[in-house]
Amino acid sequence: MSCSSCGDKVVGVCKVCELLDKDSRVKQVSYCDTCGVYICPACKKDWGRRGIAYFKNLIK
């Protein structure tokens, strides 16, 4: 299951990977209107990682 609010793919940094893995490599990402960030295809499918990143970003 993936997010239906994610748009076109571009090259950028996945915010979920950046917050959870300290991975700021440039890769294929898409903007998610629901999340308000760019995310990679792997994180797009992983709601657990996205949820943890959301709360980690709130306390940051």
PDB file of N, CA and C in Angstrom:
ATOM      1  N   MET A   1       0.844  -1.187   0.000  1.00  0.00           N
ATOM      2  CA  MET A   1       0.000   0.000   0.000  1.00  0.00           C
ATOM      3  C   MET A   1       0.882   1.241   0.000  1.00  0.00           C
ATOM      4  N   SER A   2       0.576   2.182  -0.841  1.00  0.00           N
ATOM      5  CA  SER A   2       1.358   3.411  -0.889  1.00  0.00           C
ATOM      6  C   SER A   2       0.437   4.618  -0.741  1.00  0.00           C
ATOM      7  N   CYS A   3       1.052   5.768  -0.640  1.00  0.00           N
ATOM      8  CA  CYS A   3       0.315   7.008  -0.399  1.00  0.00           C
ATOM      9  C   CYS A   3      -0.264   7.536  -1.708  1.00  0.00           C
ATOM     10  N   SER A   4      -1.549   7.827  -1.726  1.00  0.00           N
ATOM     11  CA  SER A   4      -2.184   8.319  -2.948  1.00  0.00           C
ATOM     12  C   SER A   4      -1.969   9.815  -3.159  1.00  0.00           C
ATOM     13  N   SER A   5      -1.423  10.507  -2.157  1.00  0.00           N
ATOM     14  CA  SER A   5      -1.219  11.947  -2.304  1.00  0.00           C
ATOM     15  C   SER A   5       0.197  12.286  -2.765  1.00  0.00           C
ATOM     16  N   CYS A   6       1.002  11.265  -3.080  1.00  0.00           N
ATOM     17  CA  CYS A   6       2.370  11.508  -3.537  1.00  0.00           C
ATOM     18  C   CYS A   6       2.366  11.803  -5.033  1.00  0.00           C
ATOM     19  N   GLY A   7       3.085  12.848  -5.413  1.00  0.00           N
ATOM     20  CA  GLY A   7       3.057  13.319  -6.790  1.00  0.00           C
ATOM     21  C   GLY A   7       4.173  12.782  -7.661  1.00  0.00           C
ATOM     22  N   ASP A   8       4.559  13.592  -8.648  1.00  0.00           N
ATOM     23  CA  ASP A   8       5.568  13.205  -9.630  1.00  0.00           C
ATOM     24  C   ASP A   8       6.917  12.965  -8.985  1.00  0.00           C
ATOM     25  N   LYS A   9       7.677  12.084  -9.614  1.00  0.00           N
ATOM     26  CA  LYS A   9       9.009  11.757  -9.107  1.00  0.00           C
ATOM     27  C   LYS A   9      10.020  12.802  -9.576  1.00  0.00           C
ATOM     28  N   VAL A  10      10.896  13.203  -8.659  1.00  0.00           N
ATOM     29  CA  VAL A  10      11.980  14.141  -8.938  1.00  0.00           C
ATOM     30  C   VAL A  10      13.235  13.623  -8.248  1.00  0.00           C
ATOM     31  N   VAL A  11      14.343  14.319  -8.403  1.00  0.00           N
ATOM     32  CA  VAL A  11      15.578  13.952  -7.729  1.00  0.00           C
ATOM     33  C   VAL A  11      15.739  14.864  -6.517  1.00  0.00           C
ATOM     34  N   GLY A  12      15.958  14.264  -5.347  1.00  0.00           N
ATOM     35  CA  GLY A  12      16.097  15.050  -4.121  1.00  0.00           C
ATOM     36  C   GLY A  12      16.460  14.165  -2.950  1.00  0.00           C
ATOM     37  N   VAL A  13      16.288  14.681  -1.753  1.00  0.00           N
ATOM     38  CA  VAL A  13      16.622  13.969  -0.523  1.00  0.00           C
ATOM     39  C   VAL A  13      15.331  13.504   0.149  1.00  0.00           C
ATOM     40  N   CYS A  14      15.290  12.239   0.537  1.00  0.00           N
ATOM     41  CA  CYS A  14      14.128  11.685   1.232  1.00  0.00           C
ATOM     42  C   CYS A  14      14.188  12.136   2.691  1.00  0.00           C
ATOM     43  N   LYS A  15      13.159  12.836   3.139  1.00  0.00           N
ATOM     44  CA  LYS A  15      13.126  13.349   4.509  1.00  0.00           C
ATOM     45  C   LYS A  15      13.075  12.218   5.535  1.00  0.00           C
ATOM     46  N   VAL A  16      12.403  11.133   5.218  1.00  0.00           N
ATOM     47  CA  VAL A  16      12.320   9.993   6.142  1.00  0.00           C
ATOM     48  C   VAL A  16      13.702   9.369   6.316  1.00  0.00           C
ATOM     49  N   CYS A  17      14.408   9.108   5.224  1.00  0.00           N
ATOM     50  CA  CYS A  17      15.762   8.549   5.299  1.00  0.00           C
ATOM     51  C   CYS A  17      16.696   9.500   6.041  1.00  0.00           C
ATOM     52  N   GLU A  18      16.533  10.789   5.790  1.00  0.00           N
ATOM     53  CA  GLU A  18      17.381  11.791   6.428  1.00  0.00           C
ATOM     54  C   GLU A  18      17.166  11.795   7.943  1.00  0.00           C
ATOM     55  N   LEU A  19      15.928  11.750   8.382  1.00  0.00           N
ATOM     56  CA  LEU A  19      15.637  11.789   9.818  1.00  0.00           C
ATOM     57  C   LEU A  19      15.993  10.494  10.536  1.00  0.00           C
ATOM     58  N   LEU A  20      15.713   9.354   9.912  1.00  0.00           N
ATOM     59  CA  LEU A  20      15.913   8.083  10.596  1.00  0.00           C
ATOM     60  C   LEU A  20      17.290   7.477  10.400  1.00  0.00           C
ATOM     61  N   ASP A  21      17.879   7.667   9.213  1.00  0.00           N
ATOM     62  CA  ASP A  21      19.147   7.012   8.888  1.00  0.00           C
ATOM     63  C   ASP A  21      20.313   7.979   8.713  1.00  0.00           C
ATOM     64  N   LYS A  22      20.055   9.273   8.863  1.00  0.00           N
ATOM     65  CA  LYS A  22      21.077  10.300   8.590  1.00  0.00           C
ATOM     66  C   LYS A  22      21.595  10.168   7.155  1.00  0.00           C
ATOM     67  N   ASP A  23      20.709   9.747   6.252  1.00  0.00           N
ATOM     68  CA  ASP A  23      21.034   9.527   4.845  1.00  0.00           C
ATOM     69  C   ASP A  23      20.552  10.719   4.029  1.00  0.00           C
ATOM     70  N   SER A  24      21.488  11.546   3.609  1.00  0.00           N
ATOM     71  CA  SER A  24      21.118  12.730   2.832  1.00  0.00           C
ATOM     72  C   SER A  24      21.538  12.600   1.362  1.00  0.00           C
ATOM     73  N   ARG A  25      21.662  11.346   0.908  1.00  0.00           N
ATOM     74  CA  ARG A  25      22.002  11.131  -0.499  1.00  0.00           C
ATOM     75  C   ARG A  25      20.839  11.544  -1.392  1.00  0.00           C
ATOM     76  N   VAL A  26      21.178  12.053  -2.561  1.00  0.00           N
ATOM     77  CA  VAL A  26      20.176  12.448  -3.549  1.00  0.00           C
ATOM     78  C   VAL A  26      19.703  11.192  -4.271  1.00  0.00           C
ATOM     79  N   LYS A  27      18.376  11.035  -4.363  1.00  0.00           N
ATOM     80  CA  LYS A  27      17.778   9.873  -5.019  1.00  0.00           C
ATOM     81  C   LYS A  27      16.425  10.254  -5.590  1.00  0.00           C
ATOM     82  N   GLN A  28      15.765   9.315  -6.214  1.00  0.00           N
ATOM     83  CA  GLN A  28      14.431   9.560  -6.765  1.00  0.00           C
ATOM     84  C   GLN A  28      13.450   9.692  -5.601  1.00  0.00           C
ATOM     85  N   VAL A  29      12.715  10.796  -5.557  1.00  0.00           N
ATOM     86  CA  VAL A  29      11.734  11.054  -4.505  1.00  0.00           C
ATOM     87  C   VAL A  29      10.477  11.643  -5.129  1.00  0.00           C
ATOM     88  N   SER A  30       9.411  11.673  -4.365  1.00  0.00           N
ATOM     89  CA  SER A  30       8.195  12.358  -4.789  1.00  0.00           C
ATOM     90  C   SER A  30       7.652  13.141  -3.605  1.00  0.00           C
ATOM     91  N   TYR A  31       6.992  14.247  -3.898  1.00  0.00           N
ATOM     92  CA  TYR A  31       6.454  15.098  -2.838  1.00  0.00           C
ATOM     93  C   TYR A  31       5.127  14.525  -2.370  1.00  0.00           C
ATOM     94  N   CYS A  32       4.956  14.424  -1.069  1.00  0.00           N
ATOM     95  CA  CYS A  32       3.711  13.924  -0.493  1.00  0.00           C
ATOM     96  C   CYS A  32       2.959  15.099   0.129  1.00  0.00           C
ATOM     97  N   ASP A  33       1.781  15.395  -0.411  1.00  0.00           N
ATOM     98  CA  ASP A  33       0.971  16.491   0.121  1.00  0.00           C
ATOM     99  C   ASP A  33       0.516  16.216   1.558  1.00  0.00           C
ATOM    100  N   THR A  34       0.249  14.963   1.876  1.00  0.00           N
ATOM    101  CA  THR A  34      -0.183  14.593   3.217  1.00  0.00           C
ATOM    102  C   THR A  34       0.921  14.826   4.232  1.00  0.00           C
ATOM    103  N   CYS A  35       2.130  14.379   3.899  1.00  0.00           N
ATOM    104  CA  CYS A  35       3.270  14.484   4.816  1.00  0.00           C
ATOM    105  C   CYS A  35       3.950  15.849   4.736  1.00  0.00           C
ATOM    106  N   GLY A  36       3.882  16.474   3.575  1.00  0.00           N
ATOM    107  CA  GLY A  36       4.526  17.765   3.374  1.00  0.00           C
ATOM    108  C   GLY A  36       6.021  17.680   3.161  1.00  0.00           C
ATOM    109  N   VAL A  37       6.513  16.512   2.734  1.00  0.00           N
ATOM    110  CA  VAL A  37       7.944  16.313   2.503  1.00  0.00           C
ATOM    111  C   VAL A  37       8.153  15.446   1.262  1.00  0.00           C
ATOM    112  N   TYR A  38       9.405  15.392   0.805  1.00  0.00           N
ATOM    113  CA  TYR A  38       9.785  14.498  -0.281  1.00  0.00           C
ATOM    114  C   TYR A  38      10.190  13.162   0.321  1.00  0.00           C
ATOM    115  N   ILE A  39       9.708  12.061  -0.275  1.00  0.00           N
ATOM    116  CA  ILE A  39      10.044  10.730   0.211  1.00  0.00           C
ATOM    117  C   ILE A  39      10.394   9.808  -0.956  1.00  0.00           C
ATOM    118  N   CYS A  40      11.282   8.844  -0.688  1.00  0.00           N
ATOM    119  CA  CYS A  40      11.710   7.890  -1.713  1.00  0.00           C
ATOM    120  C   CYS A  40      10.675   6.771  -1.842  1.00  0.00           C
ATOM    121  N   PRO A  41      10.732   6.002  -2.929  1.00  0.00           N
ATOM    122  CA  PRO A  41       9.764   4.921  -3.136  1.00  0.00           C
ATOM    123  C   PRO A  41       9.747   3.888  -1.996  1.00  0.00           C
ATOM    124  N   ALA A  42      10.902   3.564  -1.427  1.00  0.00           N
ATOM    125  CA  ALA A  42      10.950   2.579  -0.337  1.00  0.00           C
ATOM    126  C   ALA A  42      10.204   3.093   0.893  1.00  0.00           C
ATOM    127  N   CYS A  43      10.410   4.345   1.250  1.00  0.00           N
ATOM    128  CA  CYS A  43       9.737   4.922   2.419  1.00  0.00           C
ATOM    129  C   CYS A  43       8.268   5.212   2.137  1.00  0.00           C
ATOM    130  N   LYS A  44       7.957   5.455   0.882  1.00  0.00           N
ATOM    131  CA  LYS A  44       6.565   5.719   0.495  1.00  0.00           C
ATOM    132  C   LYS A  44       5.669   4.542   0.874  1.00  0.00           C
ATOM    133  N   LYS A  45       6.213   3.339   0.791  1.00  0.00           N
ATOM    134  CA  LYS A  45       5.451   2.126   1.081  1.00  0.00           C
ATOM    135  C   LYS A  45       5.496   1.739   2.557  1.00  0.00           C
ATOM    136  N   ASP A  46       6.387   2.348   3.320  1.00  0.00           N
ATOM    137  CA  ASP A  46       6.609   1.935   4.708  1.00  0.00           C
ATOM    138  C   ASP A  46       5.999   2.943   5.684  1.00  0.00           C
ATOM    139  N   TRP A  47       4.739   2.719   6.044  1.00  0.00           N
ATOM    140  CA  TRP A  47       4.030   3.650   6.916  1.00  0.00           C
ATOM    141  C   TRP A  47       4.640   3.698   8.315  1.00  0.00           C
ATOM    142  N   GLY A  48       5.274   2.628   8.752  1.00  0.00           N
ATOM    143  CA  GLY A  48       5.929   2.612  10.060  1.00  0.00           C
ATOM    144  C   GLY A  48       7.076   3.610  10.116  1.00  0.00           C
ATOM    145  N   ARG A  49       7.952   3.567   9.109  1.00  0.00           N
ATOM    146  CA  ARG A  49       9.073   4.520   9.033  1.00  0.00           C
ATOM    147  C   ARG A  49       8.558   5.950   8.913  1.00  0.00           C
ATOM    148  N   ARG A  50       7.518   6.122   8.114  1.00  0.00           N
ATOM    149  CA  ARG A  50       6.972   7.465   7.920  1.00  0.00           C
ATOM    150  C   ARG A  50       6.402   8.012   9.222  1.00  0.00           C
ATOM    151  N   GLY A  51       5.733   7.167   9.987  1.00  0.00           N
ATOM    152  CA  GLY A  51       5.168   7.588  11.273  1.00  0.00           C
ATOM    153  C   GLY A  51       6.237   7.970  12.275  1.00  0.00           C
ATOM    154  N   ILE A  52       7.284   7.155  12.350  1.00  0.00           N
ATOM    155  CA  ILE A  52       8.392   7.454  13.268  1.00  0.00           C
ATOM    156  C   ILE A  52       9.063   8.760  12.862  1.00  0.00           C
ATOM    157  N   ALA A  53       9.282   8.949  11.558  1.00  0.00           N
ATOM    158  CA  ALA A  53       9.912  10.184  11.074  1.00  0.00           C
ATOM    159  C   ALA A  53       9.039  11.393  11.373  1.00  0.00           C
ATOM    160  N   TYR A  54       7.732  11.245  11.252  1.00  0.00           N
ATOM    161  CA  TYR A  54       6.816  12.347  11.537  1.00  0.00           C
ATOM    162  C   TYR A  54       6.972  12.797  12.990  1.00  0.00           C
ATOM    163  N   PHE A  55       6.952  11.848  13.922  1.00  0.00           N
ATOM    164  CA  PHE A  55       7.062  12.217  15.334  1.00  0.00           C
ATOM    165  C   PHE A  55       8.459  12.695  15.690  1.00  0.00           C
ATOM    166  N   LYS A  56       9.467  12.121  15.057  1.00  0.00           N
ATOM    167  CA  LYS A  56      10.837  12.588  15.292  1.00  0.00           C
ATOM    168  C   LYS A  56      11.000  14.027  14.819  1.00  0.00           C
ATOM    169  N   ASN A  57      10.353  14.367  13.718  1.00  0.00           N
ATOM    170  CA  ASN A  57      10.406  15.732  13.195  1.00  0.00           C
ATOM    171  C   ASN A  57       9.665  16.707  14.110  1.00  0.00           C
ATOM    172  N   LEU A  58       8.601  16.253  14.764  1.00  0.00           N
ATOM    173  CA  LEU A  58       7.857  17.108  15.681  1.00  0.00           C
ATOM    174  C   LEU A  58       8.682  17.522  16.894  1.00  0.00           C
ATOM    175  N   ILE A  59       9.485  16.598  17.409  1.00  0.00           N
ATOM    176  CA  ILE A  59      10.279  16.900  18.604  1.00  0.00           C
ATOM    177  C   ILE A  59      11.617  17.519  18.287  1.00  0.00           C
ATOM    178  N   LYS A  60      11.950  17.591  17.027  1.00  0.00           N
ATOM    179  CA  LYS A  60      13.230  18.159  16.589  1.00  0.00           C
ATOM    180  C   LYS A  60      13.293  19.646  16.787  1.00  0.00           C
TER     181      LYS A  60
END
